[in-house]
N, C-alpha and C. Protein backbone atom coordinates (compact mmCIF):
# COMPACT_ATOMS: atom_id res chain seq x y z
N MET A 1 50.10 21.24 -77.01
CA MET A 1 49.36 22.57 -77.41
C MET A 1 49.91 22.49 -79.30
N ASN A 2 49.36 22.01 -80.17
CA ASN A 2 49.04 21.63 -81.55
C ASN A 2 49.69 23.19 -82.24
N LYS A 3 50.12 22.94 -82.91
CA LYS A 3 52.22 23.43 -83.97
C LYS A 3 50.79 24.49 -85.42
N ASN A 4 49.84 23.36 -85.71
CA ASN A 4 49.02 24.52 -86.44
C ASN A 4 47.88 25.15 -86.06
N ASN A 5 47.91 24.46 -85.05
CA ASN A 5 46.62 26.61 -84.07
C ASN A 5 47.49 27.24 -83.60
N THR A 6 48.59 26.85 -83.31
CA THR A 6 48.87 27.93 -82.70
C THR A 6 49.53 29.00 -84.15
N VAL A 7 50.08 28.14 -84.61
CA VAL A 7 49.89 29.16 -86.54
C VAL A 7 48.60 29.66 -86.61
N GLN A 8 47.74 29.08 -86.27
CA GLN A 8 46.46 29.49 -87.16
C GLN A 8 45.98 30.85 -85.81
N LEU A 9 46.24 30.65 -85.18
CA LEU A 9 45.93 31.90 -84.12
C LEU A 9 46.48 32.89 -83.99
N LYS A 10 48.05 33.02 -84.22
CA LYS A 10 49.03 34.16 -85.10
C LYS A 10 48.31 34.74 -86.02
N ALA A 11 47.43 33.87 -87.18
CA ALA A 11 47.28 33.73 -88.47
C ALA A 11 45.90 35.20 -88.34
N ALA A 12 45.12 34.35 -87.20
CA ALA A 12 43.60 35.24 -87.03
C ALA A 12 44.47 36.56 -85.89
N ALA A 13 45.48 36.32 -84.99
CA ALA A 13 46.08 37.98 -84.88
C ALA A 13 46.43 38.91 -85.72
N GLU A 14 47.29 38.08 -87.07
CA GLU A 14 47.96 39.34 -88.17
C GLU A 14 46.83 40.26 -88.32
N VAL A 15 45.72 39.62 -88.86
CA VAL A 15 44.15 40.48 -89.47
C VAL A 15 43.67 41.07 -88.82
N GLY A 16 43.34 40.64 -87.24
CA GLY A 16 42.23 40.72 -86.84
C GLY A 16 41.12 39.80 -85.90
N ASN A 17 41.13 38.83 -86.64
CA ASN A 17 39.83 38.35 -87.07
C ASN A 17 39.58 38.00 -85.49
N ILE A 18 38.86 38.10 -85.35
CA ILE A 18 37.85 37.54 -84.00
C ILE A 18 37.47 35.99 -84.34
N ASP A 19 36.96 36.55 -85.24
CA ASP A 19 35.68 34.23 -85.90
C ASP A 19 36.87 33.63 -85.57
N PHE A 20 38.31 33.40 -86.37
CA PHE A 20 38.61 32.94 -86.79
C PHE A 20 39.34 33.00 -85.26
N PHE A 21 39.92 33.37 -84.30
CA PHE A 21 40.28 33.36 -82.66
C PHE A 21 39.32 32.27 -82.08
N TYR A 22 38.34 32.11 -82.15
CA TYR A 22 37.50 31.72 -81.47
C TYR A 22 36.96 29.97 -82.33
N ALA A 23 37.05 29.41 -83.26
CA ALA A 23 37.36 28.80 -84.16
C ALA A 23 38.45 28.48 -83.77
N VAL A 24 39.59 28.59 -83.78
CA VAL A 24 40.70 28.29 -83.35
C VAL A 24 40.48 26.91 -81.89
N ILE A 25 40.20 28.28 -81.13
CA ILE A 25 40.43 28.19 -79.37
C ILE A 25 39.41 26.05 -79.36
N GLN A 26 38.32 26.57 -79.99
CA GLN A 26 36.90 25.82 -79.98
C GLN A 26 37.83 24.10 -80.53
N ASP A 27 38.89 24.23 -81.64
CA ASP A 27 39.46 23.38 -81.50
C ASP A 27 40.40 22.95 -81.43
N ASP A 28 41.19 23.63 -80.07
CA ASP A 28 42.38 23.00 -79.08
C ASP A 28 41.58 24.37 -77.92
N PRO A 29 40.72 24.08 -76.63
CA PRO A 29 40.90 24.65 -75.76
C PRO A 29 41.79 25.31 -75.08
N TYR A 30 42.58 24.34 -74.78
CA TYR A 30 43.55 24.83 -74.07
C TYR A 30 44.84 25.36 -74.23
N ILE A 31 44.59 25.57 -75.93
CA ILE A 31 45.35 26.58 -76.11
C ILE A 31 46.08 27.39 -75.12
N LEU A 32 45.83 28.47 -75.27
CA LEU A 32 45.74 29.70 -74.65
C LEU A 32 46.06 29.29 -73.51
N GLU A 33 45.34 27.95 -72.30
CA GLU A 33 46.33 27.64 -70.79
C GLU A 33 48.12 27.38 -71.30
N CYS A 34 47.66 26.74 -72.53
CA CYS A 34 49.39 26.22 -73.05
C CYS A 34 50.19 27.08 -73.37
N MET A 35 50.10 28.00 -73.65
CA MET A 35 51.12 30.08 -74.34
C MET A 35 51.04 30.13 -72.66
N ASP A 36 50.38 30.68 -72.07
CA ASP A 36 50.46 31.49 -70.72
C ASP A 36 51.70 30.86 -69.76
N SER A 37 51.72 29.41 -70.04
CA SER A 37 52.65 28.16 -69.49
C SER A 37 53.74 28.81 -69.97
N ILE A 38 54.65 29.84 -70.66
CA ILE A 38 55.53 29.64 -71.19
C ILE A 38 56.13 31.01 -71.38
N PRO A 39 56.90 30.86 -69.68
CA PRO A 39 57.66 32.31 -70.10
C PRO A 39 57.70 33.60 -70.70
N PHE A 40 58.84 33.04 -71.81
CA PHE A 40 58.60 34.07 -73.05
C PHE A 40 58.33 33.23 -73.88
N VAL A 41 57.20 34.31 -74.43
CA VAL A 41 56.43 33.40 -75.91
C VAL A 41 55.68 34.89 -76.63
N GLU A 42 55.43 34.96 -77.96
CA GLU A 42 54.38 36.05 -78.74
C GLU A 42 52.81 35.11 -78.64
N THR A 43 52.54 35.55 -78.04
CA THR A 43 51.12 35.27 -77.72
C THR A 43 49.75 36.46 -78.50
N PRO A 44 48.60 35.55 -79.07
CA PRO A 44 48.12 36.47 -79.96
C PRO A 44 47.81 37.65 -80.12
N LEU A 45 48.25 38.24 -78.02
CA LEU A 45 47.80 39.98 -78.05
C LEU A 45 49.55 40.63 -78.27
N HIS A 46 50.45 40.28 -78.53
CA HIS A 46 51.72 40.59 -78.91
C HIS A 46 51.29 40.79 -80.65
N VAL A 47 51.12 39.90 -81.33
CA VAL A 47 50.48 40.31 -82.98
C VAL A 47 49.72 41.30 -82.75
N ALA A 48 48.81 41.52 -81.96
CA ALA A 48 47.69 42.18 -82.68
C ALA A 48 48.11 43.78 -82.11
N ALA A 49 48.14 43.73 -80.74
CA ALA A 49 49.14 45.12 -80.00
C ALA A 49 49.90 46.08 -81.44
N SER A 50 51.44 45.38 -81.78
CA SER A 50 51.96 44.80 -83.08
C SER A 50 51.07 45.72 -84.51
N LYS A 51 49.88 44.87 -84.61
CA LYS A 51 49.15 45.54 -85.67
C LYS A 51 47.94 46.40 -85.52
N GLY A 52 47.74 46.55 -84.40
CA GLY A 52 46.45 47.73 -84.13
C GLY A 52 45.30 47.26 -83.99
N HIS A 53 45.71 46.14 -83.60
CA HIS A 53 43.65 45.17 -83.99
C HIS A 53 42.93 45.76 -83.30
N LEU A 54 42.15 46.83 -82.60
CA LEU A 54 41.82 47.44 -80.98
C LEU A 54 40.99 46.16 -80.51
N LYS A 55 39.75 45.54 -81.61
CA LYS A 55 38.55 45.02 -81.51
C LYS A 55 39.53 43.28 -81.08
N PHE A 56 40.15 43.65 -81.58
CA PHE A 56 41.03 41.81 -81.66
C PHE A 56 42.01 41.98 -79.41
N ALA A 57 42.79 42.93 -80.14
CA ALA A 57 43.61 42.50 -78.84
C ALA A 57 42.14 42.47 -77.13
N THR A 58 41.82 44.00 -77.53
CA THR A 58 40.75 43.20 -76.91
C THR A 58 39.90 42.72 -75.93
N GLU A 59 38.84 41.74 -77.11
CA GLU A 59 39.29 40.86 -76.28
C GLU A 59 39.83 39.48 -76.24
N ILE A 60 40.79 39.54 -76.06
CA ILE A 60 42.34 38.99 -75.62
C ILE A 60 42.24 39.12 -74.95
N MET A 61 42.41 40.77 -74.34
CA MET A 61 42.55 40.71 -72.99
C MET A 61 41.60 40.57 -72.11
N MET A 62 40.20 40.20 -72.30
CA MET A 62 39.67 40.45 -71.62
C MET A 62 39.23 38.41 -71.09
N LEU A 63 40.20 37.76 -72.37
CA LEU A 63 39.75 35.86 -72.36
C LEU A 63 40.47 36.26 -71.34
N LYS A 64 42.20 36.22 -71.56
CA LYS A 64 43.37 36.24 -70.74
C LYS A 64 44.68 37.58 -70.47
N PRO A 65 43.61 38.85 -69.51
CA PRO A 65 44.33 38.89 -69.02
C PRO A 65 46.10 39.46 -68.85
N SER A 66 46.22 38.15 -68.01
CA SER A 66 48.11 37.99 -68.07
C SER A 66 49.00 37.62 -69.47
N PHE A 67 47.58 37.85 -70.78
CA PHE A 67 49.25 37.65 -71.49
C PHE A 67 49.16 39.35 -71.78
N ALA A 68 48.33 40.48 -71.01
CA ALA A 68 49.17 41.78 -71.03
C ALA A 68 50.79 42.01 -70.69
N LEU A 69 51.02 41.05 -70.08
CA LEU A 69 52.31 41.37 -68.61
C LEU A 69 53.59 39.84 -69.42
N LYS A 70 52.95 39.80 -70.43
CA LYS A 70 53.71 38.66 -71.05
C LYS A 70 54.87 38.89 -71.63
N LEU A 71 56.68 38.84 -71.44
CA LEU A 71 57.02 39.19 -72.96
C LEU A 71 57.20 38.78 -73.37
N ASN A 72 57.56 38.06 -75.41
CA ASN A 72 57.88 37.51 -75.91
C ASN A 72 59.01 37.63 -75.67
N GLN A 73 59.97 36.79 -76.64
CA GLN A 73 61.31 36.31 -76.63
C GLN A 73 62.43 36.97 -76.48
N GLN A 74 62.15 38.36 -77.14
CA GLN A 74 62.70 39.61 -76.99
C GLN A 74 63.31 40.27 -76.59
N GLY A 75 61.67 40.44 -74.88
CA GLY A 75 61.92 41.00 -73.85
C GLY A 75 61.06 42.24 -73.75
N PHE A 76 59.78 41.99 -74.82
CA PHE A 76 59.50 43.06 -75.30
C PHE A 76 57.86 42.15 -74.55
N SER A 77 56.61 43.44 -73.68
CA SER A 77 54.79 43.55 -73.93
C SER A 77 54.36 43.65 -74.57
N PRO A 78 53.24 43.28 -74.72
CA PRO A 78 52.62 44.27 -76.13
C PRO A 78 52.43 45.72 -76.39
N ILE A 79 52.75 46.29 -74.98
CA ILE A 79 52.55 47.62 -75.04
C ILE A 79 53.46 47.68 -75.24
N HIS A 80 54.78 47.70 -75.18
CA HIS A 80 56.64 47.95 -76.08
C HIS A 80 56.11 47.05 -77.24
N LEU A 81 55.69 46.30 -77.84
CA LEU A 81 55.12 46.74 -79.37
C LEU A 81 54.26 47.76 -80.21
N ALA A 82 53.58 47.82 -79.01
CA ALA A 82 51.72 48.52 -79.19
C ALA A 82 53.21 50.14 -79.94
N MET A 83 53.78 50.37 -78.77
CA MET A 83 54.68 51.62 -78.50
C MET A 83 55.99 51.67 -79.81
N GLN A 84 56.53 50.11 -80.01
CA GLN A 84 57.27 50.43 -80.80
C GLN A 84 56.47 50.46 -82.78
N ASN A 85 55.37 49.93 -82.38
CA ASN A 85 54.38 50.17 -83.87
C ASN A 85 53.46 51.27 -84.22
N ASP A 86 53.67 52.27 -83.37
CA ASP A 86 53.27 54.06 -83.02
C ASP A 86 51.27 53.94 -83.29
N GLN A 87 51.23 52.98 -82.66
CA GLN A 87 49.90 52.03 -82.24
C GLN A 87 49.58 53.19 -80.90
N THR A 88 49.51 54.09 -81.18
CA THR A 88 48.94 54.45 -80.38
C THR A 88 47.36 54.01 -79.82
N MET A 89 47.01 54.69 -80.38
CA MET A 89 45.28 54.14 -79.90
C MET A 89 44.66 52.46 -79.27
N MET A 90 46.18 51.78 -79.12
CA MET A 90 46.74 50.52 -79.11
C MET A 90 46.68 50.29 -77.23
N VAL A 91 47.99 51.73 -77.09
CA VAL A 91 48.55 51.55 -75.92
C VAL A 91 47.74 52.91 -75.48
N TYR A 92 46.47 53.83 -75.69
CA TYR A 92 45.37 53.91 -74.45
C TYR A 92 44.99 53.27 -73.85
N ARG A 93 44.69 51.80 -74.89
CA ARG A 93 42.91 51.24 -74.38
C ARG A 93 43.82 50.46 -73.47
N PHE A 94 45.16 49.89 -73.34
CA PHE A 94 45.36 49.30 -72.93
C PHE A 94 45.97 49.75 -71.90
N VAL A 95 46.19 50.85 -71.69
CA VAL A 95 46.04 51.31 -70.03
C VAL A 95 44.86 51.53 -68.85
N ASN A 96 44.29 51.68 -70.57
CA ASN A 96 42.69 51.96 -69.78
C ASN A 96 41.78 51.25 -69.07
N LEU A 97 42.64 49.71 -69.80
CA LEU A 97 41.70 48.52 -69.31
C LEU A 97 42.74 48.13 -68.14
N ASN A 98 43.81 48.98 -68.03
CA ASN A 98 44.81 48.31 -66.96
C ASN A 98 45.70 49.75 -66.65
N LYS A 99 45.79 50.24 -66.07
CA LYS A 99 46.59 51.24 -65.61
C LYS A 99 47.54 51.23 -65.65
N ASP A 100 47.99 49.26 -64.65
CA ASP A 100 49.57 48.93 -63.84
C ASP A 100 50.55 48.46 -65.34
N LEU A 101 49.90 48.59 -66.20
CA LEU A 101 50.39 47.75 -67.74
C LEU A 101 51.53 49.18 -68.45
N VAL A 102 51.34 50.39 -67.67
CA VAL A 102 52.45 50.91 -67.78
C VAL A 102 53.64 51.42 -66.78
N ARG A 103 54.17 50.39 -65.68
CA ARG A 103 54.74 49.60 -65.05
C ARG A 103 55.58 48.45 -65.33
N VAL A 104 54.76 47.74 -66.48
CA VAL A 104 55.65 46.71 -67.29
C VAL A 104 56.98 47.21 -67.32
N ARG A 105 58.19 45.91 -66.70
CA ARG A 105 58.88 45.97 -67.23
C ARG A 105 59.87 45.51 -68.17
N GLY A 106 60.65 45.80 -69.17
CA GLY A 106 60.46 44.71 -70.20
C GLY A 106 62.15 45.23 -70.30
N ARG A 107 62.78 44.94 -71.61
CA ARG A 107 64.01 44.55 -72.73
C ARG A 107 64.48 45.47 -71.48
N GLU A 108 65.82 45.38 -70.75
CA GLU A 108 66.76 46.40 -70.45
C GLU A 108 65.74 47.00 -69.14
N GLY A 109 64.90 46.76 -68.28
CA GLY A 109 64.16 46.95 -67.19
C GLY A 109 63.00 49.00 -68.00
N MET A 110 63.00 48.61 -69.08
CA MET A 110 62.12 49.62 -69.71
C MET A 110 60.99 49.73 -69.77
N THR A 111 60.58 50.51 -68.99
CA THR A 111 58.86 50.92 -68.88
C THR A 111 58.75 51.53 -70.11
N PRO A 112 57.23 50.97 -69.90
CA PRO A 112 56.59 51.81 -71.63
C PRO A 112 56.35 54.31 -71.30
N LEU A 113 56.03 53.59 -69.90
CA LEU A 113 56.89 55.18 -69.25
C LEU A 113 57.64 55.76 -69.14
N HIS A 114 59.16 54.50 -69.23
CA HIS A 114 59.76 55.29 -69.23
C HIS A 114 60.61 55.70 -71.00
N PHE A 115 59.77 54.74 -72.24
CA PHE A 115 59.83 54.66 -73.15
C PHE A 115 59.12 56.22 -74.11
N ALA A 116 57.86 55.41 -73.26
CA ALA A 116 57.15 57.42 -73.95
C ALA A 116 58.33 58.96 -73.60
N SER A 117 58.95 58.57 -72.41
CA SER A 117 59.99 59.45 -72.63
C SER A 117 61.04 59.95 -72.58
N GLN A 118 61.50 58.97 -73.26
CA GLN A 118 62.47 58.74 -74.51
C GLN A 118 62.24 59.16 -75.87
N ILE A 119 60.86 58.86 -76.52
CA ILE A 119 60.97 58.62 -77.53
C ILE A 119 59.33 60.90 -77.88
N GLY A 120 59.86 61.32 -76.55
CA GLY A 120 59.26 62.30 -76.67
C GLY A 120 57.55 61.86 -76.46
N GLU A 121 57.02 61.43 -76.56
CA GLU A 121 55.43 61.47 -76.35
C GLU A 121 55.20 62.05 -75.22
N VAL A 122 53.91 63.18 -75.27
CA VAL A 122 54.25 64.20 -74.10
C VAL A 122 52.86 63.71 -73.88
N ASP A 123 51.71 63.30 -74.44
CA ASP A 123 50.78 63.26 -74.25
C ASP A 123 50.52 61.99 -73.61
N LEU A 124 51.60 61.08 -74.28
CA LEU A 124 51.59 59.09 -73.78
C LEU A 124 51.92 59.60 -71.75
N LEU A 125 52.86 59.97 -72.69
CA LEU A 125 53.65 60.51 -70.69
C LEU A 125 52.32 60.90 -69.85
N ALA A 126 51.93 61.32 -69.98
CA ALA A 126 50.94 62.83 -69.05
C ALA A 126 49.62 61.49 -68.83
N GLU A 127 49.15 60.92 -69.96
CA GLU A 127 48.36 59.70 -69.67
C GLU A 127 48.59 58.66 -68.46
N PHE A 128 49.72 58.39 -68.97
CA PHE A 128 50.17 57.10 -68.56
C PHE A 128 50.67 58.48 -66.66
N LEU A 129 51.18 59.86 -66.29
CA LEU A 129 51.08 59.54 -64.73
C LEU A 129 50.48 59.82 -64.15
N PHE A 130 48.73 60.28 -64.80
CA PHE A 130 47.89 60.28 -64.81
C PHE A 130 46.71 59.00 -64.55
N LEU A 131 47.23 58.32 -65.28
CA LEU A 131 46.51 56.74 -64.78
C LEU A 131 47.62 56.77 -63.92
N CYS A 132 48.66 56.30 -63.50
CA CYS A 132 49.08 55.75 -62.60
C CYS A 132 50.48 56.68 -62.53
N PRO A 133 49.84 57.54 -61.29
CA PRO A 133 51.23 58.27 -60.64
C PRO A 133 51.76 57.04 -59.97
N GLU A 134 51.14 56.22 -58.97
CA GLU A 134 52.28 55.63 -58.69
C GLU A 134 54.28 54.90 -59.26
N SER A 135 53.92 55.20 -60.98
CA SER A 135 54.59 54.32 -62.03
C SER A 135 56.16 55.16 -61.73
N LEU A 136 56.44 56.67 -61.39
CA LEU A 136 57.39 57.10 -60.67
C LEU A 136 58.05 56.54 -59.54
N SER A 137 56.95 56.16 -58.89
CA SER A 137 58.83 55.51 -57.54
C SER A 137 58.52 53.91 -58.58
N THR A 138 59.19 53.60 -59.48
CA THR A 138 59.49 52.27 -59.67
C THR A 138 61.24 52.23 -60.60
């Protein structure tokens, strides 16, 4: 994995530039595979989730759904970061694409369901329970 391409990939995610993202992939077609092989890594999906770049994040989720489950070096998944950064539309998009993201355990075992409850996000909590009622048994 070329370090320069990794930096460019992060830059594309920071601004939500899908064309730039594909240009990096064209230059290094295995970059996402290499990134996926690292146990704890900040993926472009983590960055896009934090920034609220919906189209960019959706594009990545279609290409690499496994990135939605990955924890970064601080122990947070993309949905955790979206919640921490008040990117509510991003959170809704994530759970509508994959309801099981409600159950992803991050740092200290915290799931998005726990986090929504902790911060009093009643609407989000209701959506999580509607989409993934089995999340109560985790």
